[in-house]
Amino acid sequence: MKKIDSIARRILGWKLNRWDRWYDYEKGIFIHESDFQPEKNLDHAMLIVDRLQDLGFTYTIKGLSKVCFNDICATGETLAQAITNAAYSIVEFSSVPDTTRMWQKLC
């Protein structure tokens, strides 16, 4: 759950409202953790892709289960899982404060 929570909060910009749900300020809705399963649901994973593309990342599919956002790549058993893994890698790589454009956009 840490992976999904990190993606929801750091990439999608959702705020933790309760231990089991986030709040999307842009849409004004609550998202329960069971309603956001990007590792299992390609439509949910594509929300991540759309947000990262809005932030300037280039999304590339490299095979059935490998994707890249710029130079950050990841694999998974499915395309949705690969997208989620790559997005989480972005979160991990940006966990140390710096002044890059990516960090400014993610915060």
C-alpha atoms as a PDB file:
ATOM      1  CA  MET A   1       0.000   0.000   0.000  1.00  0.00           C
ATOM      2  CA  LYS A   2       2.952   2.317   0.569  1.00  0.00           C
ATOM      3  CA  LYS A   3       3.660   2.312  -3.155  1.00  0.00           C
ATOM      4  CA  ILE A   4       0.101   3.254  -4.126  1.00  0.00           C
ATOM      5  CA  ASP A   5      -0.184   5.842  -1.363  1.00  0.00           C
ATOM      6  CA  SER A   6       3.082   7.466  -2.425  1.00  0.00           C
ATOM      7  CA  ILE A   7       1.936   7.646  -6.043  1.00  0.00           C
ATOM      8  CA  ALA A   8      -1.480   9.026  -5.086  1.00  0.00           C
ATOM      9  CA  ARG A   9      -0.005  11.710  -2.899  1.00  0.00           C
ATOM     10  CA  ARG A  10       3.238  12.655  -4.666  1.00  0.00           C
ATOM     11  CA  ILE A  11       2.276  12.251  -8.321  1.00  0.00           C
ATOM     12  CA  LEU A  12      -1.495  12.662  -8.448  1.00  0.00           C
ATOM     13  CA  GLY A  13      -1.512  15.302  -5.717  1.00  0.00           C
ATOM     14  CA  TRP A  14      -4.232  13.642  -3.667  1.00  0.00           C
ATOM     15  CA  LYS A  15      -4.267  14.396   0.036  1.00  0.00           C
ATOM     16  CA  LEU A  16      -4.653  11.688   2.639  1.00  0.00           C
ATOM     17  CA  ASN A  17      -8.075  12.264   4.146  1.00  0.00           C
ATOM     18  CA  ARG A  18      -8.320   9.173   6.277  1.00  0.00           C
ATOM     19  CA  TRP A  19      -6.252   6.030   6.637  1.00  0.00           C
ATOM     20  CA  ASP A  20      -8.220   4.414   3.789  1.00  0.00           C
ATOM     21  CA  ARG A  21      -8.968   7.251   1.374  1.00  0.00           C
ATOM     22  CA  TRP A  22      -7.581  10.304  -0.362  1.00  0.00           C
ATOM     23  CA  TYR A  23      -9.151  13.573  -1.426  1.00  0.00           C
ATOM     24  CA  ASP A  24      -8.669  14.886  -4.961  1.00  0.00           C
ATOM     25  CA  TYR A  25      -8.835  18.676  -4.650  1.00  0.00           C
ATOM     26  CA  GLU A  26      -8.929  19.189  -8.418  1.00  0.00           C
ATOM     27  CA  LYS A  27     -12.117  17.145  -8.805  1.00  0.00           C
ATOM     28  CA  GLY A  28     -13.484  17.664  -5.313  1.00  0.00           C
ATOM     29  CA  ILE A  29     -13.982  13.946  -4.659  1.00  0.00           C
ATOM     30  CA  PHE A  30     -12.900  11.316  -2.185  1.00  0.00           C
ATOM     31  CA  ILE A  31     -11.121   8.226  -3.517  1.00  0.00           C
ATOM     32  CA  HIS A  32     -11.280   5.115  -1.382  1.00  0.00           C
ATOM     33  CA  GLU A  33      -8.201   2.889  -1.577  1.00  0.00           C
ATOM     34  CA  SER A  34     -10.314   0.083  -3.067  1.00  0.00           C
ATOM     35  CA  ASP A  35     -11.313   2.453  -5.900  1.00  0.00           C
ATOM     36  CA  PHE A  36      -7.714   3.101  -6.963  1.00  0.00           C
ATOM     37  CA  GLN A  37      -5.836  -0.065  -7.905  1.00  0.00           C
ATOM     38  CA  PRO A  38      -3.326   0.963 -10.594  1.00  0.00           C
ATOM     39  CA  GLU A  39      -1.365  -2.299 -10.387  1.00  0.00           C
ATOM     40  CA  LYS A  40      -4.485  -4.265 -11.303  1.00  0.00           C
ATOM     41  CA  ASN A  41      -6.475  -1.789 -13.392  1.00  0.00           C
ATOM     42  CA  LEU A  42      -5.005  -0.317 -16.566  1.00  0.00           C
ATOM     43  CA  ASP A  43      -7.450   2.612 -16.545  1.00  0.00           C
ATOM     44  CA  HIS A  44      -6.185   3.586 -13.088  1.00  0.00           C
ATOM     45  CA  ALA A  45      -2.581   3.211 -14.238  1.00  0.00           C
ATOM     46  CA  MET A  46      -3.298   5.468 -17.185  1.00  0.00           C
ATOM     47  CA  LEU A  47      -4.306   8.232 -14.742  1.00  0.00           C
ATOM     48  CA  ILE A  48      -0.711   8.112 -13.563  1.00  0.00           C
ATOM     49  CA  VAL A  49       0.576   8.204 -17.144  1.00  0.00           C
ATOM     50  CA  ASP A  50      -1.596  11.229 -17.940  1.00  0.00           C
ATOM     51  CA  ARG A  51      -0.390  13.111 -14.866  1.00  0.00           C
ATOM     52  CA  LEU A  52       3.264  12.370 -15.543  1.00  0.00           C
ATOM     53  CA  GLN A  53       2.866  13.462 -19.149  1.00  0.00           C
ATOM     54  CA  ASP A  54       1.315  16.709 -17.884  1.00  0.00           C
ATOM     55  CA  LEU A  55       4.443  17.111 -15.759  1.00  0.00           C
ATOM     56  CA  GLY A  56       6.663  16.754 -18.820  1.00  0.00           C
ATOM     57  CA  PHE A  57       7.573  13.079 -18.747  1.00  0.00           C
ATOM     58  CA  THR A  58       7.658  11.081 -21.958  1.00  0.00           C
ATOM     59  CA  TYR A  59       5.879   7.738 -21.684  1.00  0.00           C
ATOM     60  CA  THR A  60       7.316   4.857 -23.699  1.00  0.00           C
ATOM     61  CA  ILE A  61       6.167   1.240 -23.841  1.00  0.00           C
ATOM     62  CA  LYS A  62       9.005  -1.222 -24.381  1.00  0.00           C
ATOM     63  CA  GLY A  63       7.416  -4.624 -24.766  1.00  0.00           C
ATOM     64  CA  LEU A  64       4.384  -6.113 -23.091  1.00  0.00           C
ATOM     65  CA  SER A  65       5.432  -5.347 -19.554  1.00  0.00           C
ATOM     66  CA  LYS A  66       8.153  -2.692 -19.572  1.00  0.00           C
ATOM     67  CA  VAL A  67       7.594   1.050 -19.611  1.00  0.00           C
ATOM     68  CA  CYS A  68       9.729   4.137 -19.273  1.00  0.00           C
ATOM     69  CA  PHE A  69       9.081   7.671 -18.154  1.00  0.00           C
ATOM     70  CA  ASN A  70      12.028   9.528 -19.647  1.00  0.00           C
ATOM     71  CA  ASP A  71      15.024   7.480 -18.470  1.00  0.00           C
ATOM     72  CA  ILE A  72      13.250   5.784 -15.555  1.00  0.00           C
ATOM     73  CA  CYS A  73      12.100   2.313 -16.583  1.00  0.00           C
ATOM     74  CA  ALA A  74      10.396  -0.561 -14.801  1.00  0.00           C
ATOM     75  CA  THR A  75       8.852  -3.912 -15.541  1.00  0.00           C
ATOM     76  CA  GLY A  76       5.913  -5.830 -14.169  1.00  0.00           C
ATOM     77  CA  GLU A  77       3.819  -8.886 -14.813  1.00  0.00           C
ATOM     78  CA  THR A  78       1.315  -6.639 -16.620  1.00  0.00           C
ATOM     79  CA  LEU A  79       1.457  -3.249 -18.286  1.00  0.00           C
ATOM     80  CA  ALA A  80      -0.500  -1.719 -15.399  1.00  0.00           C
ATOM     81  CA  GLN A  81       1.979  -3.107 -12.892  1.00  0.00           C
ATOM     82  CA  ALA A  82       4.930  -1.848 -14.953  1.00  0.00           C
ATOM     83  CA  ILE A  83       3.423   1.664 -15.063  1.00  0.00           C
ATOM     84  CA  THR A  84       2.894   1.600 -11.302  1.00  0.00           C
ATOM     85  CA  ASN A  85       6.428   0.355 -10.674  1.00  0.00           C
ATOM     86  CA  ALA A  86       7.943   3.032 -12.910  1.00  0.00           C
ATOM     87  CA  ALA A  87       5.880   5.751 -11.247  1.00  0.00           C
ATOM     88  CA  TYR A  88       6.999   4.546  -7.839  1.00  0.00           C
ATOM     89  CA  SER A  89      10.603   4.650  -9.046  1.00  0.00           C
ATOM     90  CA  ILE A  90      10.086   8.315  -9.876  1.00  0.00           C
ATOM     91  CA  VAL A  91       8.802   8.899  -6.357  1.00  0.00           C
ATOM     92  CA  GLU A  92      11.799   7.067  -4.891  1.00  0.00           C
ATOM     93  CA  PHE A  93      14.314   8.951  -7.041  1.00  0.00           C
ATOM     94  CA  SER A  94      12.789  12.281  -6.077  1.00  0.00           C
ATOM     95  CA  SER A  95      12.658  11.551  -2.343  1.00  0.00           C
ATOM     96  CA  VAL A  96      15.815  13.566  -1.671  1.00  0.00           C
ATOM     97  CA  PRO A  97      15.088  17.299  -1.875  1.00  0.00           C
ATOM     98  CA  ASP A  98      16.713  19.024  -4.806  1.00  0.00           C
ATOM     99  CA  THR A  99      15.974  21.947  -7.055  1.00  0.00           C
ATOM    100  CA  THR A 100      15.331  20.123 -10.307  1.00  0.00           C
ATOM    101  CA  ARG A 101      12.288  20.902 -12.368  1.00  0.00           C
ATOM    102  CA  MET A 102      10.859  17.450 -11.683  1.00  0.00           C
ATOM    103  CA  TRP A 103      11.006  17.933  -7.912  1.00  0.00           C
ATOM    104  CA  GLN A 104       9.313  21.315  -8.183  1.00  0.00           C
ATOM    105  CA  LYS A 105       6.499  19.831 -10.253  1.00  0.00           C
ATOM    106  CA  LEU A 106       5.956  16.849  -7.967  1.00  0.00           C
ATOM    107  CA  CYS A 107       5.654  18.935  -4.813  1.00  0.00           C
END
